[in-house]
Amino acid sequence: MTTARHPLRTATSLLLALMLTACGSASPTPTPTPTPQLSAAPSTTPSPTQPPTTPPSSSQASPATATVSPTPTPSPTIPLPTDAAGRLLAHIPDALRPTCTTSSPEHALAAADCSPAGSDLTVRYVLYSDSVTLDAAYSAIAEQAQIEPDTGSCFELQADGTVSATPDNWPSENSYDVDGVPAGRYVCQVLGDRPTIAWSYERLDILGQASAPTTADYDGLVTFWLDDSGPNR
């Protein structure tokens, strides 16, 4: 028994046969695969907010930061004043100098009368031109004591390290040292009712004389002479 073909299927088969005959037996040309497009390389232009950092070459070191201190200017040596009063004042201790008044006595270059602060003592310094006139001025004062030279000391050192006057030994006359070096001579005596110490400082040709107002202040006078009278070198 022959099976009848469906009319639409038969038509479709004829149409397909015709198309194959027209095109031949060539294989279909494959559609070429498009060449993929590579993404563009990232830009090397730095972002405005992040500037590029160029590392220093290994042969070029970064400059070190150095602090340069200026060379200090040495303080100039202040020369002594050329006038006699100025030279004398320059050797008077700093604490005394503001209280001093100067003058030009006969037979001397200059004199200064001073008042130590906090006491009733008075002190006078006289600058002489040379050691001869200094010795003559000191001898005139020592002669008032009417004693022989090198008669002892008018003070003594106590066990606690303090110094006390020894009024029973006044008047007395002796030499004295400064830092173990002979410096001059001194005489202790009472002129009127005023205990007085006069001393020569031979290195500077200066004569000093300090007095207390009454005999109640022997110790204060001795302490001032030993500790604060000068003159300074």
C-alpha atoms as a PDB file:
ATOM      1  CA  MET A   1       0.000   0.000   0.000  1.00  0.00           C
ATOM      2  CA  THR A   2       1.464   3.307  -1.019  1.00  0.00           C
ATOM      3  CA  THR A   3       1.388   6.064   1.551  1.00  0.00           C
ATOM      4  CA  ALA A   4       0.223   9.338   0.119  1.00  0.00           C
ATOM      5  CA  ARG A   5       2.623  12.374   0.766  1.00  0.00           C
ATOM      6  CA  HIS A   6       1.272  15.425   2.458  1.00  0.00           C
ATOM      7  CA  PRO A   7       1.005  18.166  -0.147  1.00  0.00           C
ATOM      8  CA  LEU A   8       2.892  20.789   2.053  1.00  0.00           C
ATOM      9  CA  ARG A   9       5.711  18.336   2.772  1.00  0.00           C
ATOM     10  CA  THR A  10       6.016  17.517  -0.942  1.00  0.00           C
ATOM     11  CA  ALA A  11       6.244  21.195  -1.852  1.00  0.00           C
ATOM     12  CA  THR A  12       8.840  21.788   0.812  1.00  0.00           C
ATOM     13  CA  SER A  13      10.967  18.922  -0.472  1.00  0.00           C
ATOM     14  CA  LEU A  14      10.877  20.237  -4.052  1.00  0.00           C
ATOM     15  CA  LEU A  15      11.854  23.731  -2.891  1.00  0.00           C
ATOM     16  CA  LEU A  16      14.803  22.382  -0.939  1.00  0.00           C
ATOM     17  CA  ALA A  17      15.976  20.356  -3.937  1.00  0.00           C
ATOM     18  CA  LEU A  18      15.902  23.384  -6.166  1.00  0.00           C
ATOM     19  CA  MET A  19      17.994  25.430  -3.688  1.00  0.00           C
ATOM     20  CA  LEU A  20      20.615  22.745  -3.446  1.00  0.00           C
ATOM     21  CA  THR A  21      20.891  22.491  -7.188  1.00  0.00           C
ATOM     22  CA  ALA A  22      21.369  26.269  -7.531  1.00  0.00           C
ATOM     23  CA  CYS A  23      24.046  26.542  -4.863  1.00  0.00           C
ATOM     24  CA  GLY A  24      26.051  23.451  -5.701  1.00  0.00           C
ATOM     25  CA  SER A  25      27.684  21.300  -3.123  1.00  0.00           C
ATOM     26  CA  ALA A  26      30.043  23.982  -1.610  1.00  0.00           C
ATOM     27  CA  SER A  27      30.240  24.084   2.130  1.00  0.00           C
ATOM     28  CA  PRO A  28      28.900  27.164   3.777  1.00  0.00           C
ATOM     29  CA  THR A  29      31.509  29.880   4.450  1.00  0.00           C
ATOM     30  CA  PRO A  30      31.849  30.340   8.159  1.00  0.00           C
ATOM     31  CA  THR A  31      31.310  33.768   9.453  1.00  0.00           C
ATOM     32  CA  PRO A  32      34.765  35.062  10.422  1.00  0.00           C
ATOM     33  CA  THR A  33      35.225  35.584  14.114  1.00  0.00           C
ATOM     34  CA  PRO A  34      35.797  39.261  14.682  1.00  0.00           C
ATOM     35  CA  THR A  35      39.242  40.120  15.986  1.00  0.00           C
ATOM     36  CA  PRO A  36      38.819  41.129  19.557  1.00  0.00           C
ATOM     37  CA  GLN A  37      39.714  44.732  20.187  1.00  0.00           C
ATOM     38  CA  LEU A  38      42.241  45.091  23.020  1.00  0.00           C
ATOM     39  CA  SER A  39      41.488  47.650  25.621  1.00  0.00           C
ATOM     40  CA  ALA A  40      43.621  50.768  25.356  1.00  0.00           C
ATOM     41  CA  ALA A  41      46.676  50.863  27.608  1.00  0.00           C
ATOM     42  CA  PRO A  42      46.131  52.906  30.721  1.00  0.00           C
ATOM     43  CA  SER A  43      47.292  56.460  30.426  1.00  0.00           C
ATOM     44  CA  THR A  44      50.599  57.275  32.065  1.00  0.00           C
ATOM     45  CA  THR A  45      49.572  60.862  32.630  1.00  0.00           C
ATOM     46  CA  PRO A  46      49.370  61.261  36.394  1.00  0.00           C
ATOM     47  CA  SER A  47      46.249  62.379  38.062  1.00  0.00           C
ATOM     48  CA  PRO A  48      46.279  66.077  38.872  1.00  0.00           C
ATOM     49  CA  THR A  49      45.723  65.266  42.523  1.00  0.00           C
ATOM     50  CA  GLN A  50      48.522  62.710  42.668  1.00  0.00           C
ATOM     51  CA  PRO A  51      51.692  64.102  41.069  1.00  0.00           C
ATOM     52  CA  PRO A  52      54.223  61.488  40.014  1.00  0.00           C
ATOM     53  CA  THR A  53      57.013  60.771  42.390  1.00  0.00           C
ATOM     54  CA  THR A  54      60.400  60.414  40.746  1.00  0.00           C
ATOM     55  CA  PRO A  55      62.733  58.391  42.937  1.00  0.00           C
ATOM     56  CA  PRO A  56      66.200  59.869  43.220  1.00  0.00           C
ATOM     57  CA  SER A  57      68.916  58.250  41.197  1.00  0.00           C
ATOM     58  CA  SER A  58      71.217  55.989  43.158  1.00  0.00           C
ATOM     59  CA  SER A  59      74.168  58.203  42.185  1.00  0.00           C
ATOM     60  CA  GLN A  60      72.601  61.413  43.472  1.00  0.00           C
ATOM     61  CA  ALA A  61      72.025  61.639  47.215  1.00  0.00           C
ATOM     62  CA  SER A  62      69.436  63.923  48.635  1.00  0.00           C
ATOM     63  CA  PRO A  63      71.074  66.959  50.268  1.00  0.00           C
ATOM     64  CA  ALA A  64      71.277  66.663  54.014  1.00  0.00           C
ATOM     65  CA  THR A  65      69.678  69.344  56.112  1.00  0.00           C
ATOM     66  CA  ALA A  66      72.398  71.026  58.212  1.00  0.00           C
ATOM     67  CA  THR A  67      72.014  73.594  60.913  1.00  0.00           C
ATOM     68  CA  VAL A  68      74.822  76.109  60.694  1.00  0.00           C
ATOM     69  CA  SER A  69      75.525  78.002  63.888  1.00  0.00           C
ATOM     70  CA  PRO A  70      77.126  81.382  63.543  1.00  0.00           C
ATOM     71  CA  THR A  71      80.610  81.710  64.951  1.00  0.00           C
ATOM     72  CA  PRO A  72      80.294  83.582  68.243  1.00  0.00           C
ATOM     73  CA  THR A  73      82.071  86.874  68.395  1.00  0.00           C
ATOM     74  CA  PRO A  74      84.478  86.871  71.322  1.00  0.00           C
ATOM     75  CA  SER A  75      83.710  89.421  73.973  1.00  0.00           C
ATOM     76  CA  PRO A  76      86.210  92.241  73.732  1.00  0.00           C
ATOM     77  CA  THR A  77      88.541  92.765  76.631  1.00  0.00           C
ATOM     78  CA  ILE A  78      87.454  95.959  78.337  1.00  0.00           C
ATOM     79  CA  PRO A  79      90.540  98.055  79.024  1.00  0.00           C
ATOM     80  CA  LEU A  80      90.938  99.924  82.279  1.00  0.00           C
ATOM     81  CA  PRO A  81      89.949 103.570  82.148  1.00  0.00           C
ATOM     82  CA  THR A  82      92.824 105.890  81.433  1.00  0.00           C
ATOM     83  CA  ASP A  83      91.869 108.446  84.081  1.00  0.00           C
ATOM     84  CA  ALA A  84      93.102 107.806  87.633  1.00  0.00           C
ATOM     85  CA  ALA A  85      89.651 107.841  89.258  1.00  0.00           C
ATOM     86  CA  GLY A  86      88.348 105.349  86.728  1.00  0.00           C
ATOM     87  CA  ARG A  87      91.324 103.064  87.257  1.00  0.00           C
ATOM     88  CA  LEU A  88      90.794 103.141  91.006  1.00  0.00           C
ATOM     89  CA  LEU A  89      87.060 102.426  90.761  1.00  0.00           C
ATOM     90  CA  ALA A  90      87.759  99.487  88.453  1.00  0.00           C
ATOM     91  CA  HIS A  91      89.580  97.740  91.335  1.00  0.00           C
ATOM     92  CA  ILE A  92      86.913  98.391  93.975  1.00  0.00           C
ATOM     93  CA  PRO A  93      84.521  95.467  94.596  1.00  0.00           C
ATOM     94  CA  ASP A  94      81.294  95.621  92.587  1.00  0.00           C
ATOM     95  CA  ALA A  95      79.054  95.797  95.663  1.00  0.00           C
ATOM     96  CA  LEU A  96      80.876  98.875  96.913  1.00  0.00           C
ATOM     97  CA  ARG A  97      81.456 100.775  93.697  1.00  0.00           C
ATOM     98  CA  PRO A  98      77.987 102.391  93.397  1.00  0.00           C
ATOM     99  CA  THR A  99      78.390 103.953  96.844  1.00  0.00           C
ATOM    100  CA  CYS A 100      81.744 105.570  96.124  1.00  0.00           C
ATOM    101  CA  THR A 101      82.564 109.180  95.472  1.00  0.00           C
ATOM    102  CA  THR A 102      85.950 110.059  94.015  1.00  0.00           C
ATOM    103  CA  SER A 103      88.344 112.912  94.598  1.00  0.00           C
ATOM    104  CA  SER A 104      91.908 113.958  93.782  1.00  0.00           C
ATOM    105  CA  PRO A 105      93.862 114.244  97.055  1.00  0.00           C
ATOM    106  CA  GLU A 106      97.300 115.788  97.365  1.00  0.00           C
ATOM    107  CA  HIS A 107     100.234 113.395  96.841  1.00  0.00           C
ATOM    108  CA  ALA A 108      97.991 110.740  95.280  1.00  0.00           C
ATOM    109  CA  LEU A 109      96.407 110.044  91.910  1.00  0.00           C
ATOM    110  CA  ALA A 110      92.830 109.464  93.100  1.00  0.00           C
ATOM    111  CA  ALA A 111      90.752 108.567  96.143  1.00  0.00           C
ATOM    112  CA  ALA A 112      87.334 106.970  96.622  1.00  0.00           C
ATOM    113  CA  ASP A 113      85.166 107.116  99.746  1.00  0.00           C
ATOM    114  CA  CYS A 114      82.603 104.297  99.993  1.00  0.00           C
ATOM    115  CA  SER A 115      79.936 102.982 102.372  1.00  0.00           C
ATOM    116  CA  PRO A 116      79.340  99.203 102.504  1.00  0.00           C
ATOM    117  CA  ALA A 117      75.624  98.446 102.230  1.00  0.00           C
ATOM    118  CA  GLY A 118      73.892  97.264 105.386  1.00  0.00           C
ATOM    119  CA  SER A 119      76.500  98.565 107.802  1.00  0.00           C
ATOM    120  CA  ASP A 120      77.797 101.742 109.350  1.00  0.00           C
ATOM    121  CA  LEU A 121      81.341 101.099 108.181  1.00  0.00           C
ATOM    122  CA  THR A 122      83.203 103.549 106.003  1.00  0.00           C
ATOM    123  CA  VAL A 123      86.125 102.753 103.729  1.00  0.00           C
ATOM    124  CA  ARG A 124      88.545 104.876 101.752  1.00  0.00           C
ATOM    125  CA  TYR A 125      90.766 103.769  98.860  1.00  0.00           C
ATOM    126  CA  VAL A 126      93.704 105.829  97.616  1.00  0.00           C
ATOM    127  CA  LEU A 127      95.627 105.167  94.399  1.00  0.00           C
ATOM    128  CA  TYR A 128      99.314 106.146  94.376  1.00  0.00           C
ATOM    129  CA  SER A 129     101.667 106.535  91.465  1.00  0.00           C
ATOM    130  CA  ASP A 130     104.225 103.985  92.686  1.00  0.00           C
ATOM    131  CA  SER A 131     105.243 101.744  95.578  1.00  0.00           C
ATOM    132  CA  VAL A 132     107.455 104.396  97.174  1.00  0.00           C
ATOM    133  CA  THR A 133     104.623 106.843  97.766  1.00  0.00           C
ATOM    134  CA  LEU A 134     102.339 103.980  98.822  1.00  0.00           C
ATOM    135  CA  ASP A 135     104.822 102.788 101.460  1.00  0.00           C
ATOM    136  CA  ALA A 136     105.264 106.321 102.757  1.00  0.00           C
ATOM    137  CA  ALA A 137     101.499 106.796 103.142  1.00  0.00           C
ATOM    138  CA  TYR A 138     101.091 103.463 104.921  1.00  0.00           C
ATOM    139  CA  SER A 139     104.012 104.134 107.265  1.00  0.00           C
ATOM    140  CA  ALA A 140     102.500 107.473 108.297  1.00  0.00           C
ATOM    141  CA  ILE A 141      99.297 105.701 109.380  1.00  0.00           C
ATOM    142  CA  ALA A 142     101.124 102.863 111.131  1.00  0.00           C
ATOM    143  CA  GLU A 143     103.239 105.319 113.132  1.00  0.00           C
ATOM    144  CA  GLN A 144     100.087 106.551 114.823  1.00  0.00           C
ATOM    145  CA  ALA A 145      99.817 103.145 116.511  1.00  0.00           C
ATOM    146  CA  GLN A 146     103.198 103.699 118.212  1.00  0.00           C
ATOM    147  CA  ILE A 147     104.101 100.025 118.018  1.00  0.00           C
ATOM    148  CA  GLU A 148     106.822  98.007 116.373  1.00  0.00           C
ATOM    149  CA  PRO A 149     106.168  96.190 113.082  1.00  0.00           C
ATOM    150  CA  ASP A 150     105.173  92.514 113.143  1.00  0.00           C
ATOM    151  CA  THR A 151     103.549  92.779 116.575  1.00  0.00           C
ATOM    152  CA  GLY A 152     100.911  90.154 115.891  1.00  0.00           C
ATOM    153  CA  SER A 153      97.359  89.897 114.621  1.00  0.00           C
ATOM    154  CA  CYS A 154      94.239  91.750 115.686  1.00  0.00           C
ATOM    155  CA  PHE A 155      91.893  88.802 114.964  1.00  0.00           C
ATOM    156  CA  GLU A 156      91.798  85.030 115.314  1.00  0.00           C
ATOM    157  CA  LEU A 157      90.165  82.065 113.634  1.00  0.00           C
ATOM    158  CA  GLN A 158      87.611  80.234 115.765  1.00  0.00           C
ATOM    159  CA  ALA A 159      87.038  76.467 115.835  1.00  0.00           C
ATOM    160  CA  ASP A 160      83.803  76.842 113.844  1.00  0.00           C
ATOM    161  CA  GLY A 161      85.601  78.655 111.020  1.00  0.00           C
ATOM    162  CA  THR A 162      84.451  82.159 111.912  1.00  0.00           C
ATOM    163  CA  VAL A 163      86.839  85.025 112.544  1.00  0.00           C
ATOM    164  CA  SER A 164      86.714  87.219 115.624  1.00  0.00           C
ATOM    165  CA  ALA A 165      88.475  90.423 116.470  1.00  0.00           C
ATOM    166  CA  THR A 166      90.831  90.357 119.450  1.00  0.00           C
ATOM    167  CA  PRO A 167      90.465  93.890 120.850  1.00  0.00           C
ATOM    168  CA  ASP A 168      93.080  93.218 123.506  1.00  0.00           C
ATOM    169  CA  ASN A 169      95.656  92.916 120.709  1.00  0.00           C
ATOM    170  CA  TRP A 170      94.840  96.324 119.208  1.00  0.00           C
ATOM    171  CA  PRO A 171      96.984  98.068 118.096  1.00  0.00           C
ATOM    172  CA  SER A 172      98.933  95.526 116.068  1.00  0.00           C
ATOM    173  CA  GLU A 173     100.788  95.473 112.764  1.00  0.00           C
ATOM    174  CA  ASN A 174     101.746  92.669 110.421  1.00  0.00           C
ATOM    175  CA  SER A 175     102.056  91.475 106.842  1.00  0.00           C
ATOM    176  CA  TYR A 176      99.316  89.579 105.065  1.00  0.00           C
ATOM    177  CA  ASP A 177      98.921  87.231 102.105  1.00  0.00           C
ATOM    178  CA  VAL A 178      96.292  86.814  99.407  1.00  0.00           C
ATOM    179  CA  ASP A 179      95.940  83.231  98.149  1.00  0.00           C
ATOM    180  CA  GLY A 180      99.286  82.414  99.719  1.00  0.00           C
ATOM    181  CA  VAL A 181     101.078  85.261  97.973  1.00  0.00           C
ATOM    182  CA  PRO A 182     102.451  88.213  99.988  1.00  0.00           C
ATOM    183  CA  ALA A 183     100.192  91.194  99.263  1.00  0.00           C
ATOM    184  CA  GLY A 184     101.146  93.978 101.675  1.00  0.00           C
ATOM    185  CA  ARG A 185     100.870  95.060 105.291  1.00  0.00           C
ATOM    186  CA  TYR A 186      98.058  95.997 107.668  1.00  0.00           C
ATOM    187  CA  VAL A 187      97.684  97.814 110.961  1.00  0.00           C
ATOM    188  CA  CYS A 188      94.762  97.649 113.422  1.00  0.00           C
ATOM    189  CA  GLN A 189      94.255 100.509 115.858  1.00  0.00           C
ATOM    190  CA  VAL A 190      91.592 102.640 117.491  1.00  0.00           C
ATOM    191  CA  LEU A 191      91.541 106.230 116.315  1.00  0.00           C
ATOM    192  CA  GLY A 192      89.467 108.197 118.807  1.00  0.00           C
ATOM    193  CA  ASP A 193      86.691 105.684 119.435  1.00  0.00           C
ATOM    194  CA  ARG A 194      86.708 104.235 115.924  1.00  0.00           C
ATOM    195  CA  PRO A 195      88.340 100.840 115.352  1.00  0.00           C
ATOM    196  CA  THR A 196      90.322 101.179 112.123  1.00  0.00           C
ATOM    197  CA  ILE A 197      92.200  98.843 109.826  1.00  0.00           C
ATOM    198  CA  ALA A 198      94.569 100.269 107.205  1.00  0.00           C
ATOM    199  CA  TRP A 199      96.267  98.074 104.612  1.00  0.00           C
ATOM    200  CA  SER A 200      98.530  98.417 101.606  1.00  0.00           C
ATOM    201  CA  TYR A 201      97.933  96.428  98.426  1.00  0.00           C
ATOM    202  CA  GLU A 202     101.310  96.618  96.797  1.00  0.00           C
ATOM    203  CA  ARG A 203     100.480  95.048  93.459  1.00  0.00           C
ATOM    204  CA  LEU A 204      98.127  97.925  92.553  1.00  0.00           C
ATOM    205  CA  ASP A 205      99.709 100.712  94.655  1.00  0.00           C
ATOM    206  CA  ILE A 206      96.421 101.129  96.532  1.00  0.00           C
ATOM    207  CA  LEU A 207      96.013 101.975 100.218  1.00  0.00           C
ATOM    208  CA  GLY A 208      92.758 101.075 101.970  1.00  0.00           C
ATOM    209  CA  GLN A 209      91.443 102.212 105.324  1.00  0.00           C
ATOM    210  CA  ALA A 210      88.158 100.997 106.879  1.00  0.00           C
ATOM    211  CA  SER A 211      86.571 102.167 110.121  1.00  0.00           C
ATOM    212  CA  ALA A 212      83.674 101.138 112.361  1.00  0.00           C
ATOM    213  CA  PRO A 213      81.624 103.875 114.065  1.00  0.00           C
ATOM    214  CA  THR A 214      82.125 102.553 117.609  1.00  0.00           C
ATOM    215  CA  THR A 215      84.135  99.983 119.520  1.00  0.00           C
ATOM    216  CA  ALA A 216      81.038  97.780 119.552  1.00  0.00           C
ATOM    217  CA  ASP A 217      81.726  96.624 115.979  1.00  0.00           C
ATOM    218  CA  TYR A 218      85.240  95.157 116.004  1.00  0.00           C
ATOM    219  CA  ASP A 219      84.020  91.863 114.545  1.00  0.00           C
ATOM    220  CA  GLY A 220      82.074  93.499 111.709  1.00  0.00           C
ATOM    221  CA  LEU A 221      85.101  95.546 110.727  1.00  0.00           C
ATOM    222  CA  VAL A 222      87.452  92.544 110.694  1.00  0.00           C
ATOM    223  CA  THR A 223      84.963  90.433 108.725  1.00  0.00           C
ATOM    224  CA  PHE A 224      84.521  93.179 106.137  1.00  0.00           C
ATOM    225  CA  TRP A 225      88.253  93.594 105.700  1.00  0.00           C
ATOM    226  CA  LEU A 226      88.897  89.872 105.297  1.00  0.00           C
ATOM    227  CA  ASP A 227      85.933  89.084 103.031  1.00  0.00           C
ATOM    228  CA  ASP A 228      84.691  92.121 101.131  1.00  0.00           C
ATOM    229  CA  SER A 229      87.181  94.978 101.097  1.00  0.00           C
ATOM    230  CA  GLY A 230      89.307  94.129  98.084  1.00  0.00           C
ATOM    231  CA  PRO A 231      90.757  95.772  96.145  1.00  0.00           C
ATOM    232  CA  ASN A 232      90.140  93.484  93.198  1.00  0.00           C
ATOM    233  CA  ARG A 233      93.024  92.512  90.986  1.00  0.00           C
END
